[in-house]
Structures are given as C-alpha cells and as structure tokens.
C-alpha cells in the first residue's frame, strides 16, 4: 500500500513542532539543568542545522510508521495512536531506559527525553491512522 505522503509530512511536522514546545517551552529549564547545559551553551550552536536534520529524521519516522499502520490495518486515529504507543513500549522505552540505567542518568531526564517520543509517536500514529482510512477507500 502506498503511503499518504501528505499525512506523512503533516505527522512529521506535528512531531517536530511538539519537540519545539516540549524542549523550549514545557521542559527547557529542568532539561538544561539535568543535562548540565547553560543557556549560553544552548544558544551557541548552529541554530539551523539541527532543526533541518530533526525534521528530515521525523519524516523517516513518519514514513515507517505509515507503513506499519498499513500493515497492521491501523486505519483509525485510535488504532494508529495505539500502534505508536506500542512501538514506544516495545522498543523506544526499554532500549533507552536500559542505557539511562547503566549510565546512571536521572529518571527525571529519562522522563523528559523519552516521554517526548511517546507522545510524538502517539500523535503521529493518530494522524497516519486517520488518513490511512481516507486513502484506502
């Protein structure tokens, strides 16, 4: 099944915007404190390249999630969101928590860094699942 490329783009854009809100608005101060980053260090890097690269990577995630939605017949927003959550529970969460555990990193940092993809995959799955149904007809 051919993915809905508009849905893939929108899902990637929503995930990208979520990242901006998550790290710049909601959790900026605690995240920088837990990562030992000063505002000067955060502002000193190339401001454009990470945004472009993260959006491209979000397109990859959205494309793969669209394929999984099609294969699993996740053709509603609820099924797509459930698939996104299942992917996080089965892969993202355990893999990254294992790393945090061995690196003895704070659980609060895990929560900030890794609940972002949980929410993001849920949103992306909902968008892709909802649009999968429309394009299948």
Protein backbone atom coordinates (compact mmCIF):
# COMPACT_ATOMS: atom_id res chain seq x y z
CA UNK A 1 0.00 0.00 0.00
CA UNK A 2 1.28 3.42 -0.94
CA UNK A 3 1.50 5.83 1.99
CA UNK A 4 -0.35 9.10 2.05
CA UNK A 5 2.61 11.45 1.66
CA UNK A 6 0.63 14.47 2.85
CA UNK A 7 -0.19 12.59 6.05
CA UNK A 8 3.48 11.61 6.44
CA UNK A 9 4.52 15.24 6.04
CA UNK A 10 1.88 16.51 8.49
CA UNK A 11 2.73 13.82 11.05
CA UNK A 12 6.43 14.72 10.82
CA UNK A 13 5.64 18.40 11.13
CA UNK A 14 3.43 17.83 14.21
CA UNK A 15 6.18 15.74 15.85
CA UNK A 16 8.74 18.45 15.03
CA UNK A 17 6.53 21.18 16.50
CA UNK A 18 5.90 19.04 19.56
CA UNK A 19 9.67 18.88 20.07
CA UNK A 20 9.89 22.65 19.95
CA UNK A 21 7.13 23.05 22.53
CA UNK A 22 8.42 20.17 24.67
CA UNK A 23 12.04 21.27 24.93
CA UNK A 24 11.78 25.05 24.50
CA UNK A 25 8.60 25.80 26.45
CA UNK A 26 7.49 22.98 28.74
CA UNK A 27 10.76 21.47 29.97
CA UNK A 28 13.52 23.86 28.93
CA UNK A 29 14.86 24.73 32.38
CA UNK A 30 14.74 21.28 34.01
CA UNK A 31 16.11 19.65 30.85
CA UNK A 32 19.08 22.02 30.66
CA UNK A 33 19.76 21.61 34.38
CA UNK A 34 19.68 17.79 34.15
CA UNK A 35 21.88 17.83 31.05
CA UNK A 36 24.27 20.38 32.63
CA UNK A 37 23.77 22.78 29.74
CA UNK A 38 23.85 26.52 30.26
CA UNK A 39 21.65 28.87 28.22
CA UNK A 40 24.84 30.22 26.65
CA UNK A 41 25.87 26.74 25.52
CA UNK A 42 22.39 26.05 24.18
CA UNK A 43 22.40 29.27 22.18
CA UNK A 44 25.96 28.88 20.94
CA UNK A 45 25.44 26.06 18.46
CA UNK A 46 24.39 26.29 14.82
CA UNK A 47 20.69 27.15 15.16
CA UNK A 48 19.54 25.91 11.74
CA UNK A 49 21.18 22.53 11.04
CA UNK A 50 19.68 20.57 13.98
CA UNK A 51 16.18 21.77 13.09
CA UNK A 52 16.53 20.70 9.46
CA UNK A 53 18.07 17.35 10.33
CA UNK A 54 15.50 16.59 13.03
CA UNK A 55 12.68 17.33 10.57
CA UNK A 56 14.22 15.00 7.98
CA UNK A 57 14.54 12.29 10.63
CA UNK A 58 10.92 12.90 11.64
CA UNK A 59 9.94 12.31 8.00
CA UNK A 60 11.70 8.94 8.16
CA UNK A 61 9.88 8.03 11.38
CA UNK A 62 6.53 9.10 9.92
CA UNK A 63 7.12 7.14 6.71
CA UNK A 64 7.99 3.95 8.60
CA UNK A 65 5.07 4.40 10.98
CA UNK A 66 2.77 4.89 7.97
CA UNK A 67 4.00 1.56 6.58
CA UNK A 68 3.35 -0.14 9.93
CA UNK A 69 -0.13 1.41 10.11
CA UNK A 70 -0.88 -0.02 6.67
CA UNK A 71 0.49 -3.47 7.52
CA UNK A 72 -1.40 -3.64 10.82
CA UNK A 73 -4.59 -2.19 9.31
CA UNK A 74 -4.39 0.71 11.77
CA UNK A 75 -6.90 2.72 9.77
CA UNK A 76 -8.34 4.90 12.52
CA UNK A 77 -6.81 7.56 14.72
CA UNK A 78 -7.21 5.31 17.77
CA UNK A 79 -5.53 2.31 16.12
CA UNK A 80 -2.70 4.47 14.79
CA UNK A 81 -2.16 6.06 18.21
CA UNK A 82 -2.20 2.62 19.84
CA UNK A 83 0.42 1.40 17.37
CA UNK A 84 2.62 4.41 18.15
CA UNK A 85 2.31 3.72 21.87
CA UNK A 86 3.02 0.01 21.34
CA UNK A 87 6.19 0.84 19.41
CA UNK A 88 7.35 3.07 22.27
CA UNK A 89 6.53 0.43 24.91
CA UNK A 90 8.20 -2.36 22.94
CA UNK A 91 11.27 -0.60 21.59
CA UNK A 92 11.98 3.03 22.47
CA UNK A 93 11.25 2.90 26.19
CA UNK A 94 13.11 -0.31 27.07
CA UNK A 95 16.13 0.42 24.89
CA UNK A 96 16.61 3.95 26.16
CA UNK A 97 15.82 3.12 29.78
CA UNK A 98 18.48 0.41 29.73
CA UNK A 99 21.00 2.99 28.56
CA UNK A 100 19.91 5.50 31.21
CA UNK A 101 20.12 2.82 33.90
CA UNK A 102 23.69 1.79 33.06
CA UNK A 103 24.80 5.40 32.62
CA UNK A 104 23.19 6.20 36.00
CA UNK A 105 21.34 9.13 34.48
CA UNK A 106 18.45 10.71 36.39
CA UNK A 107 14.97 9.25 35.95
CA UNK A 108 13.65 12.79 35.53
CA UNK A 109 15.88 13.19 32.47
CA UNK A 110 14.55 9.91 31.07
CA UNK A 111 11.01 11.19 31.59
CA UNK A 112 11.68 14.48 29.80
CA UNK A 113 13.69 12.98 26.93
CA UNK A 114 11.73 9.80 26.33
CA UNK A 115 8.13 10.72 27.05
CA UNK A 116 8.51 13.18 24.15
CA UNK A 117 8.74 10.31 21.63
CA UNK A 118 5.92 8.51 23.45
CA UNK A 119 3.59 11.47 22.95
CA UNK A 120 5.03 12.09 19.49
CA UNK A 121 4.55 8.53 18.25
CA UNK A 122 1.02 8.56 19.63
CA UNK A 123 0.22 11.79 17.75
CA UNK A 124 1.92 10.62 14.57
CA UNK A 125 0.10 7.29 14.70
CA UNK A 126 -3.23 9.04 15.20
CA UNK A 127 -2.64 11.29 12.20
CA UNK A 128 -1.42 8.47 9.98
CA UNK A 129 -4.14 6.07 11.10
CA UNK A 130 -6.87 8.61 10.46
CA UNK A 131 -5.54 9.41 6.99
CA UNK A 132 -4.87 5.77 6.11
CA UNK A 133 -8.59 5.11 6.24
CA UNK A 134 -9.35 8.01 3.90
CA UNK A 135 -6.80 6.96 1.30
CA UNK A 136 -7.76 3.26 1.38
CA UNK A 137 -11.30 3.97 0.13
